[in-house]
Amino acid sequence: MYLLWFRRDLRLTDNEIVTLATANGAAVLPLFIVDPWFYTWADVGKARVRFLFESLKNLDYNLRNLGSRLYLFEGNSTDIVQQLTKQLIEQGYQPSLLFNRDVQVEYGISRDKNVIDFYKELKLDYHVGLNNFLQLSENRVQWYNEYYSYQRQPQHQTPQTINTPDLSVNLPQLTFEELKHKYHNFWAVEKVYFPGGETQAISKLDSFLKSRYQGYHWKLSRPMLSQMGATSHLSSHLTFGTISVRNVYQKIKARAEELKNQPASDFSLKAFRERLRWHDSFTQRLYFHPEIAYKNRYPEFDSLYTPEPLSSAKQELFQAWQQGMTGFPLIDASMRQLKTMGWMNFRMRAMCATFLTINCGISWHHGAKHYMNYLVDGDLAINNWQWQMQAGVTNPLSDTFRIYNPNKNISEKDPDGSFIYHF
């Protein structure tokens, strides 16, 4: 029996472990573990957890259409996997564990190591797959070529049926109604702007390819246009793996081929493909250097940027920034958008970051945590490194110093004031 352990790869399309587990019609137990640790974590975000739960429900729906279902276990991930494996052995099964590599926090790294060691001790088969492209041995010179080689390879096949037998195991399980009731505080939002699930991801991509891509290369930095759909709105789906980067890349390339005689359209789609590569490069950096999520890239900045509690004067500035009450219209509108929608376009994220760190002199640690508490697409690999970058930590010997003028950006990015007026 294959234990198909989903984590940040909540899809059936182009998913390595799904294809491997279902290839020969063997018994498959698809599972997700609701680990309470993650929901008490300092960087947890309500919008992100709701997106996760919606994606799990959609995954269960898609599995049921193939004759399967998603088992929702609750508890410490390592304990659940170990106990489930032991109970299946007692029932006469020989479990094989499949999961995709998850590039995130140290807790996950330790969890995966413990699970692999457990399977090695029992001499059971396991396989660690790739959710998206990842270079496992650092070779920066070859990364670019290897990245595009991966994106051009055929996608993993989607199964037509999945053989999941009825099982009785003595472990804490949740129905989706129980999940919604027990974690009700994550569902209590006034409006859902970015619903989760593979079905939604495919729909978003299709609508982007149909018409929303037009003018992407310049509209992505305009906050009102990007809010209205000028960007893909796929970022949260890429964060939770409800769609693969390769799937997106190949459909974008196919659409570009259809429009090859339209230079403006081709330019927009090329700009989007470059953003996909940009996205994956941050995941790669975190994989090799997990410490950068919370530590300054260079220790020379440790006396300037620290996660220590703020002084009363800086706390006042920080709260004004959080609440969108600084008196700078574009900063305030952007911060209110974040609290309302759980999202901002990249330009506004960067502008608000330089304002907090450079203008207000507040450490990037505090701003990064606030973003992660609200962003529906919050990804440590991108968020925290970008905060360091905007704060001036990552390249201190650069000839130029990056800082955004929040008033100049009004005339450039919100010339009619529609975004400011909206928020």
Protein backbone atom coordinates (compact mmCIF):
# COMPACT_ATOMS: atom_id res chain seq x y z
CA MET A 1 0.00 0.00 0.00
CA TYR A 2 1.19 3.49 -0.88
CA LEU A 3 0.79 6.26 1.68
CA LEU A 4 0.32 9.38 -0.43
CA TRP A 5 1.19 12.22 1.95
CA PHE A 6 0.08 15.62 0.65
CA ARG A 7 1.59 18.79 2.13
CA ARG A 8 2.24 21.80 -0.14
CA ASP A 9 1.31 19.98 -3.35
CA LEU A 10 -2.48 19.88 -3.19
CA ARG A 11 -3.23 18.74 -6.74
CA LEU A 12 -3.62 15.63 -8.87
CA THR A 13 -2.23 17.16 -12.10
CA ASP A 14 1.53 17.04 -12.72
CA ASN A 15 2.23 15.62 -9.27
CA GLU A 16 5.11 13.15 -9.18
CA ILE A 17 4.01 11.18 -6.13
CA VAL A 18 0.41 10.87 -7.37
CA THR A 19 1.62 9.39 -10.67
CA LEU A 20 4.03 6.98 -8.94
CA ALA A 21 1.49 5.77 -6.38
CA THR A 22 -1.29 5.12 -8.89
CA ALA A 23 0.75 3.68 -11.76
CA ASN A 24 -0.03 -0.01 -11.23
CA GLY A 25 -3.48 0.06 -9.62
CA ALA A 26 -2.07 -0.67 -6.16
CA ALA A 27 -3.88 0.34 -3.00
CA VAL A 28 -3.34 4.04 -2.19
CA LEU A 29 -4.13 5.95 0.99
CA PRO A 30 -4.13 9.71 0.29
CA LEU A 31 -3.66 11.68 3.49
CA PHE A 32 -3.11 15.12 4.93
CA ILE A 33 -2.08 15.76 8.53
CA VAL A 34 -3.56 18.73 10.35
CA ASP A 35 -0.61 19.42 12.64
CA PRO A 36 -1.66 21.80 15.46
CA TRP A 37 1.87 23.25 15.59
CA PHE A 38 1.34 25.09 12.33
CA TYR A 39 -1.83 26.81 13.55
CA THR A 40 -0.15 28.25 16.64
CA TRP A 41 2.93 29.39 14.71
CA ALA A 42 3.79 33.10 15.02
CA ASP A 43 3.73 33.62 11.25
CA VAL A 44 0.41 31.90 10.59
CA GLY A 45 -2.14 33.86 8.57
CA LYS A 46 -5.91 33.44 8.72
CA ALA A 47 -6.39 33.96 4.98
CA ARG A 48 -3.67 31.42 4.20
CA VAL A 49 -5.12 28.73 6.46
CA ARG A 50 -8.57 29.21 4.98
CA PHE A 51 -7.07 28.88 1.50
CA LEU A 52 -5.37 25.66 2.63
CA PHE A 53 -8.61 24.19 4.02
CA GLU A 54 -10.53 25.08 0.85
CA SER A 55 -7.79 23.44 -1.20
CA LEU A 56 -8.00 20.28 0.91
CA LYS A 57 -11.76 20.12 0.41
CA ASN A 58 -11.33 20.51 -3.33
CA LEU A 59 -8.62 17.83 -3.34
CA ASP A 60 -10.99 15.46 -1.54
CA TYR A 61 -13.70 16.22 -4.11
CA ASN A 62 -11.35 15.49 -7.01
CA LEU A 63 -10.12 12.29 -5.34
CA ARG A 64 -13.70 11.09 -4.81
CA ASN A 65 -14.34 11.56 -8.54
CA LEU A 66 -11.59 9.00 -9.07
CA GLY A 67 -12.98 6.50 -6.54
CA SER A 68 -10.77 7.64 -3.67
CA ARG A 69 -10.89 10.13 -0.78
CA LEU A 70 -8.61 12.24 1.38
CA TYR A 71 -7.94 11.02 4.93
CA LEU A 72 -7.59 13.96 7.33
CA PHE A 73 -5.52 13.05 10.37
CA GLU A 74 -4.84 15.41 13.26
CA GLY A 75 -1.76 15.47 15.46
CA ASN A 76 2.01 15.69 15.37
CA SER A 77 3.00 14.78 11.81
CA THR A 78 5.85 12.45 12.73
CA ASP A 79 3.74 10.61 15.30
CA ILE A 80 0.81 10.20 12.91
CA VAL A 81 2.97 8.77 10.11
CA GLN A 82 4.71 6.37 12.47
CA GLN A 83 1.52 5.15 14.12
CA LEU A 84 -0.32 4.83 10.82
CA THR A 85 2.54 2.80 9.37
CA LYS A 86 2.63 0.46 12.38
CA GLN A 87 -1.12 -0.11 12.32
CA LEU A 88 -1.12 -0.90 8.60
CA ILE A 89 1.70 -3.41 9.13
CA GLU A 90 -0.39 -5.06 11.86
CA GLN A 91 -3.26 -5.31 9.34
CA GLY A 92 -1.03 -7.15 6.88
CA TYR A 93 -0.03 -4.29 4.61
CA GLN A 94 3.50 -3.31 3.63
CA PRO A 95 3.33 0.49 3.47
CA SER A 96 5.43 2.58 1.10
CA LEU A 97 5.55 6.29 1.85
CA LEU A 98 5.55 8.96 -0.85
CA PHE A 99 5.80 12.70 -0.23
CA ASN A 100 7.19 15.72 -2.02
CA ARG A 101 10.01 17.82 -0.66
CA ASP A 102 8.67 20.85 1.21
CA VAL A 103 11.04 23.83 1.28
CA GLN A 104 9.96 25.87 4.29
CA VAL A 105 10.70 26.09 8.00
CA GLU A 106 13.14 24.08 10.14
CA TYR A 107 10.23 22.23 11.79
CA GLY A 108 9.41 20.66 8.43
CA ILE A 109 13.04 19.78 7.73
CA SER A 110 13.32 17.99 11.09
CA ARG A 111 9.94 16.29 10.60
CA ASP A 112 10.91 14.84 7.23
CA LYS A 113 14.27 13.59 8.52
CA ASN A 114 12.59 11.80 11.44
CA VAL A 115 10.04 10.15 9.15
CA ILE A 116 12.72 8.99 6.70
CA ASP A 117 14.85 7.59 9.54
CA PHE A 118 11.81 5.69 10.81
CA TYR A 119 11.19 4.10 7.41
CA LYS A 120 14.85 3.19 7.08
CA GLU A 121 14.77 1.45 10.46
CA LEU A 122 11.78 -0.63 9.36
CA LYS A 123 13.39 -1.27 5.96
CA LEU A 124 10.30 0.07 4.21
CA ASP A 125 10.28 1.84 0.87
CA TYR A 126 9.85 5.60 0.69
CA HIS A 127 10.19 8.19 -2.04
CA VAL A 128 10.78 11.93 -1.74
CA GLY A 129 9.55 13.67 -4.90
CA LEU A 130 9.69 17.19 -6.28
CA ASN A 131 6.71 19.49 -6.06
CA ASN A 132 8.35 21.87 -8.55
CA PHE A 133 11.87 22.27 -9.89
CA LEU A 134 14.56 22.16 -7.22
CA GLN A 135 18.30 21.73 -7.62
CA LEU A 136 19.37 19.32 -4.87
CA SER A 137 23.11 19.95 -5.21
CA GLU A 138 24.12 23.60 -5.37
CA ASN A 139 25.44 24.60 -8.79
CA ARG A 140 24.46 28.18 -9.47
CA VAL A 141 26.12 28.20 -12.89
CA GLN A 142 23.83 25.42 -14.13
CA TRP A 143 20.64 26.44 -12.32
CA TYR A 144 19.19 28.48 -15.19
CA ASN A 145 19.64 25.72 -17.78
CA GLU A 146 18.43 22.97 -15.44
CA TYR A 147 15.39 25.02 -14.51
CA TYR A 148 14.21 25.43 -18.09
CA SER A 149 15.08 21.84 -18.95
CA TYR A 150 12.71 20.73 -16.18
CA GLN A 151 9.90 23.07 -17.26
CA ARG A 152 10.01 21.67 -20.80
CA GLN A 153 9.78 18.02 -19.77
CA PRO A 154 6.43 16.16 -20.09
CA GLN A 155 4.15 16.56 -17.10
CA HIS A 156 3.43 13.67 -14.75
CA GLN A 157 0.31 11.81 -15.82
CA THR A 158 -2.96 12.38 -13.98
CA PRO A 159 -4.62 9.09 -12.89
CA GLN A 160 -8.02 8.05 -14.21
CA THR A 161 -8.88 6.03 -11.10
CA ILE A 162 -7.34 5.55 -7.65
CA ASN A 163 -7.74 2.37 -5.64
CA THR A 164 -8.38 3.38 -2.02
CA PRO A 165 -9.76 0.58 0.20
CA ASP A 166 -11.91 1.25 3.26
CA LEU A 167 -9.59 1.25 6.24
CA SER A 168 -10.08 1.34 9.98
CA VAL A 169 -7.21 2.91 11.90
CA ASN A 170 -7.10 4.04 15.50
CA LEU A 171 -5.85 7.58 14.96
CA PRO A 172 -7.42 11.04 15.40
CA GLN A 173 -9.30 11.89 12.21
CA LEU A 174 -11.41 14.85 11.12
CA THR A 175 -14.27 15.20 8.70
CA PHE A 176 -14.36 18.47 6.79
CA GLU A 177 -17.28 19.62 8.92
CA GLU A 178 -15.27 18.89 12.05
CA LEU A 179 -12.28 20.70 10.56
CA LYS A 180 -14.42 23.75 9.86
CA HIS A 181 -15.91 23.69 13.37
CA LYS A 182 -12.68 23.08 15.28
CA TYR A 183 -10.70 25.71 13.35
CA HIS A 184 -13.64 28.07 12.90
CA ASN A 185 -11.58 31.19 13.63
CA PHE A 186 -9.75 30.70 10.32
CA TRP A 187 -13.03 30.61 8.41
CA ALA A 188 -14.43 33.80 9.96
CA VAL A 189 -13.66 36.30 7.19
CA GLU A 190 -16.09 38.79 5.69
CA LYS A 191 -15.21 38.04 2.07
CA VAL A 192 -13.02 35.49 0.31
CA TYR A 193 -11.03 37.17 -2.46
CA PHE A 194 -8.84 34.20 -3.36
CA PRO A 195 -10.63 30.83 -2.98
CA GLY A 196 -8.42 27.75 -2.82
CA GLY A 197 -8.29 24.48 -4.72
CA GLU A 198 -6.92 22.93 -7.90
CA THR A 199 -10.19 23.57 -9.73
CA GLN A 200 -9.91 27.27 -8.92
CA ALA A 201 -6.24 27.33 -9.96
CA ILE A 202 -7.00 25.91 -13.40
CA SER A 203 -9.88 28.36 -13.82
CA LYS A 204 -7.63 31.31 -12.85
CA LEU A 205 -4.95 30.26 -15.31
CA ASP A 206 -7.49 29.79 -18.10
CA SER A 207 -8.98 33.25 -17.57
CA PHE A 208 -5.52 34.80 -17.48
CA LEU A 209 -4.58 33.14 -20.77
CA LYS A 210 -7.86 34.11 -22.38
CA SER A 211 -7.48 37.87 -21.95
CA ARG A 212 -6.13 39.05 -18.60
CA TYR A 213 -2.48 38.63 -19.69
CA GLN A 214 -2.79 41.63 -22.04
CA GLY A 215 -0.55 44.44 -20.83
CA TYR A 216 0.73 42.32 -17.93
CA HIS A 217 4.27 43.70 -18.24
CA TRP A 218 3.18 47.21 -17.25
CA LYS A 219 -0.10 46.63 -15.44
CA LEU A 220 1.44 44.38 -12.75
CA SER A 221 2.87 47.41 -10.92
CA ARG A 222 -0.40 49.38 -11.01
CA PRO A 223 -2.23 48.53 -7.76
CA MET A 224 -5.79 49.08 -8.98
CA LEU A 225 -5.30 47.25 -12.27
CA SER A 226 -3.56 44.32 -10.60
CA GLN A 227 -6.33 44.12 -7.99
CA MET A 228 -8.91 43.92 -10.78
CA GLY A 229 -7.14 40.97 -12.42
CA ALA A 230 -4.29 42.35 -14.54
CA THR A 231 -1.94 39.94 -12.78
CA SER A 232 -2.47 36.18 -12.77
CA HIS A 233 -3.72 35.91 -9.15
CA LEU A 234 -2.02 32.50 -9.10
CA SER A 235 0.47 33.29 -6.33
CA SER A 236 -1.48 31.58 -3.53
CA HIS A 237 -2.04 28.55 -5.78
CA LEU A 238 1.69 28.29 -6.42
CA THR A 239 2.35 28.63 -2.67
CA PHE A 240 0.12 25.64 -1.86
CA GLY A 241 0.84 23.67 -5.01
CA THR A 242 -2.73 23.54 -6.27
CA ILE A 243 -1.12 23.98 -9.67
CA SER A 244 2.45 23.25 -10.75
CA VAL A 245 4.81 25.87 -12.13
CA ARG A 246 5.50 23.52 -15.05
CA ASN A 247 1.80 23.32 -15.91
CA VAL A 248 1.58 27.12 -15.89
CA TYR A 249 4.81 27.53 -17.85
CA GLN A 250 3.81 25.11 -20.60
CA LYS A 251 0.35 26.62 -21.04
CA ILE A 252 1.87 30.10 -21.16
CA LYS A 253 4.34 28.92 -23.83
CA ALA A 254 1.54 27.32 -25.84
CA ARG A 255 -0.50 30.53 -25.71
CA ALA A 256 2.56 32.56 -26.74
CA GLU A 257 2.98 30.29 -29.76
CA GLU A 258 -0.62 31.03 -30.77
CA LEU A 259 0.10 34.77 -30.49
CA LYS A 260 3.61 34.78 -31.96
CA ASN A 261 2.62 37.36 -34.58
CA GLN A 262 1.43 39.78 -31.89
CA PRO A 263 4.57 41.33 -30.34
CA ALA A 264 2.79 43.08 -27.47
CA SER A 265 1.08 39.87 -26.34
CA ASP A 266 4.28 37.89 -26.65
CA PHE A 267 6.11 40.48 -24.54
CA SER A 268 3.49 40.25 -21.77
CA LEU A 269 3.63 36.45 -21.68
CA LYS A 270 7.42 36.47 -21.68
CA ALA A 271 7.39 38.87 -18.73
CA PHE A 272 5.11 36.49 -16.86
CA ARG A 273 7.37 33.49 -17.56
CA GLU A 274 10.27 35.45 -16.14
CA ARG A 275 8.26 36.07 -12.97
CA LEU A 276 7.71 32.32 -12.67
CA ARG A 277 11.47 31.75 -12.77
CA TRP A 278 11.94 34.58 -10.26
CA HIS A 279 9.43 32.82 -7.96
CA ASP A 280 11.28 29.50 -8.07
CA SER A 281 14.68 31.09 -7.56
CA PHE A 282 13.61 32.18 -4.07
CA THR A 283 12.52 28.66 -3.17
CA GLN A 284 15.93 27.44 -4.33
CA ARG A 285 17.74 29.99 -2.18
CA LEU A 286 15.80 29.00 0.95
CA TYR A 287 16.51 25.31 0.31
CA PHE A 288 20.26 25.85 0.49
CA HIS A 289 20.13 28.63 3.09
CA PRO A 290 17.15 28.13 5.44
CA GLU A 291 18.67 30.52 7.97
CA ILE A 292 17.89 33.56 5.79
CA ALA A 293 14.22 33.31 6.70
CA TYR A 294 14.96 34.89 10.07
CA LYS A 295 18.63 35.94 10.15
CA ASN A 296 20.27 38.88 8.43
CA ARG A 297 22.14 37.83 5.30
CA TYR A 298 25.21 39.62 6.67
CA PRO A 299 25.83 39.72 10.44
CA GLU A 300 27.09 43.32 10.15
CA PHE A 301 23.41 44.30 10.14
CA ASP A 302 22.59 42.48 13.39
CA SER A 303 22.92 45.63 15.50
CA LEU A 304 20.59 47.54 13.17
CA TYR A 305 17.95 44.96 12.25
CA THR A 306 16.78 42.76 15.10
CA PRO A 307 13.54 40.96 16.03
CA GLU A 308 13.74 42.37 19.56
CA PRO A 309 10.70 44.30 20.90
CA LEU A 310 10.37 47.86 19.61
CA SER A 311 10.78 51.00 21.66
CA SER A 312 7.57 52.90 22.42
CA ALA A 313 8.34 55.50 19.74
CA LYS A 314 8.98 52.87 17.06
CA GLN A 315 5.98 50.83 18.20
CA GLU A 316 3.80 53.87 17.55
CA LEU A 317 5.21 54.19 14.03
CA PHE A 318 4.82 50.47 13.45
CA GLN A 319 1.17 50.47 14.48
CA ALA A 320 0.41 53.44 12.25
CA TRP A 321 2.01 51.55 9.35
CA GLN A 322 0.07 48.36 10.15
CA GLN A 323 -3.26 50.18 10.31
CA GLY A 324 -2.72 52.35 7.24
CA MET A 325 -2.58 55.55 9.28
CA THR A 326 0.82 57.00 8.33
CA GLY A 327 -0.55 59.99 6.41
CA PHE A 328 1.11 58.85 3.18
CA PRO A 329 -1.91 58.00 0.96
CA LEU A 330 -0.42 55.23 -1.17
CA ILE A 331 1.23 53.54 1.83
CA ASP A 332 -2.01 53.67 3.79
CA ALA A 333 -4.16 52.40 0.93
CA SER A 334 -1.76 49.49 0.36
CA MET A 335 -1.69 48.48 4.03
CA ARG A 336 -5.48 48.61 4.20
CA GLN A 337 -5.65 46.48 1.07
CA LEU A 338 -3.42 43.92 2.78
CA LYS A 339 -5.70 43.71 5.83
CA THR A 340 -8.84 43.59 3.67
CA MET A 341 -7.82 41.24 0.87
CA GLY A 342 -4.76 39.45 2.21
CA TRP A 343 -2.87 40.58 -0.86
CA MET A 344 -0.92 43.41 -2.50
CA ASN A 345 0.89 43.60 -5.81
CA PHE A 346 4.66 43.34 -5.69
CA ARG A 347 5.38 47.04 -6.20
CA MET A 348 3.25 48.06 -3.23
CA ARG A 349 4.76 45.33 -1.03
CA ALA A 350 8.24 46.60 -1.82
CA MET A 351 7.30 50.25 -1.33
CA CYS A 352 5.71 49.61 2.06
CA ALA A 353 8.75 47.57 3.09
CA THR A 354 11.28 50.30 2.32
CA PHE A 355 9.03 52.84 4.04
CA LEU A 356 8.97 50.79 7.26
CA THR A 357 12.62 49.80 7.34
CA ILE A 358 14.39 52.83 5.87
CA ASN A 359 12.03 55.73 6.55
CA CYS A 360 10.81 54.50 9.95
CA GLY A 361 13.97 52.64 10.98
CA ILE A 362 12.06 49.49 12.03
CA SER A 363 13.59 46.05 11.54
CA TRP A 364 12.45 43.97 8.59
CA HIS A 365 11.68 41.12 11.02
CA HIS A 366 8.57 42.95 12.29
CA GLY A 367 7.32 43.86 8.83
CA ALA A 368 7.91 40.38 7.45
CA LYS A 369 5.89 38.84 10.27
CA HIS A 370 3.01 41.27 9.71
CA TYR A 371 2.92 40.40 6.01
CA MET A 372 2.91 36.68 6.78
CA ASN A 373 0.05 37.18 9.24
CA TYR A 374 -2.13 38.57 6.45
CA LEU A 375 -0.90 37.42 3.04
CA VAL A 376 -2.96 34.66 1.45
CA ASP A 377 0.08 33.83 -0.70
CA GLY A 378 2.64 34.26 2.09
CA ASP A 379 5.76 32.27 1.28
CA LEU A 380 8.77 32.56 3.59
CA ALA A 381 11.16 31.96 0.72
CA ILE A 382 9.99 35.09 -1.09
CA ASN A 383 8.58 37.25 1.70
CA ASN A 384 11.45 37.28 4.16
CA TRP A 385 14.24 37.49 1.60
CA GLN A 386 12.45 40.34 -0.14
CA TRP A 387 12.13 42.14 3.18
CA GLN A 388 15.87 41.83 3.68
CA MET A 389 16.45 43.02 0.13
CA GLN A 390 14.19 46.06 0.46
CA ALA A 391 15.84 46.91 3.79
CA GLY A 392 19.25 47.03 2.08
CA VAL A 393 20.67 43.95 3.79
CA THR A 394 21.31 41.60 0.87
CA ASN A 395 23.66 43.71 -1.27
CA PRO A 396 25.34 46.33 0.91
CA LEU A 397 28.13 47.05 -1.58
CA SER A 398 25.76 48.01 -4.40
CA ASP A 399 26.41 51.35 -6.11
CA THR A 400 22.71 52.17 -5.83
CA PHE A 401 20.38 52.21 -2.84
CA ARG A 402 16.81 51.08 -3.39
CA ILE A 403 14.07 53.21 -1.87
CA TYR A 404 10.58 53.97 -3.14
CA ASN A 405 9.13 57.46 -2.99
CA PRO A 406 5.50 56.94 -1.85
CA ASN A 407 4.38 60.29 -3.29
CA LYS A 408 6.15 59.94 -6.65
CA ASN A 409 4.57 56.49 -6.99
CA ILE A 410 1.11 58.04 -6.84
CA SER A 411 1.66 59.91 -10.11
CA GLU A 412 3.36 56.88 -11.68
CA LYS A 413 1.22 53.98 -10.46
CA ASP A 414 -2.12 55.47 -9.36
CA PRO A 415 -2.38 58.66 -11.43
CA ASP A 416 -6.17 58.93 -11.21
CA GLY A 417 -6.20 58.11 -7.49
CA SER A 418 -8.64 55.22 -7.98
CA PHE A 419 -6.69 52.84 -5.73
CA ILE A 420 -6.24 55.38 -2.96
CA TYR A 421 -9.88 56.38 -3.16
CA HIS A 422 -11.00 52.72 -3.04
CA PHE A 423 -9.24 52.05 0.25
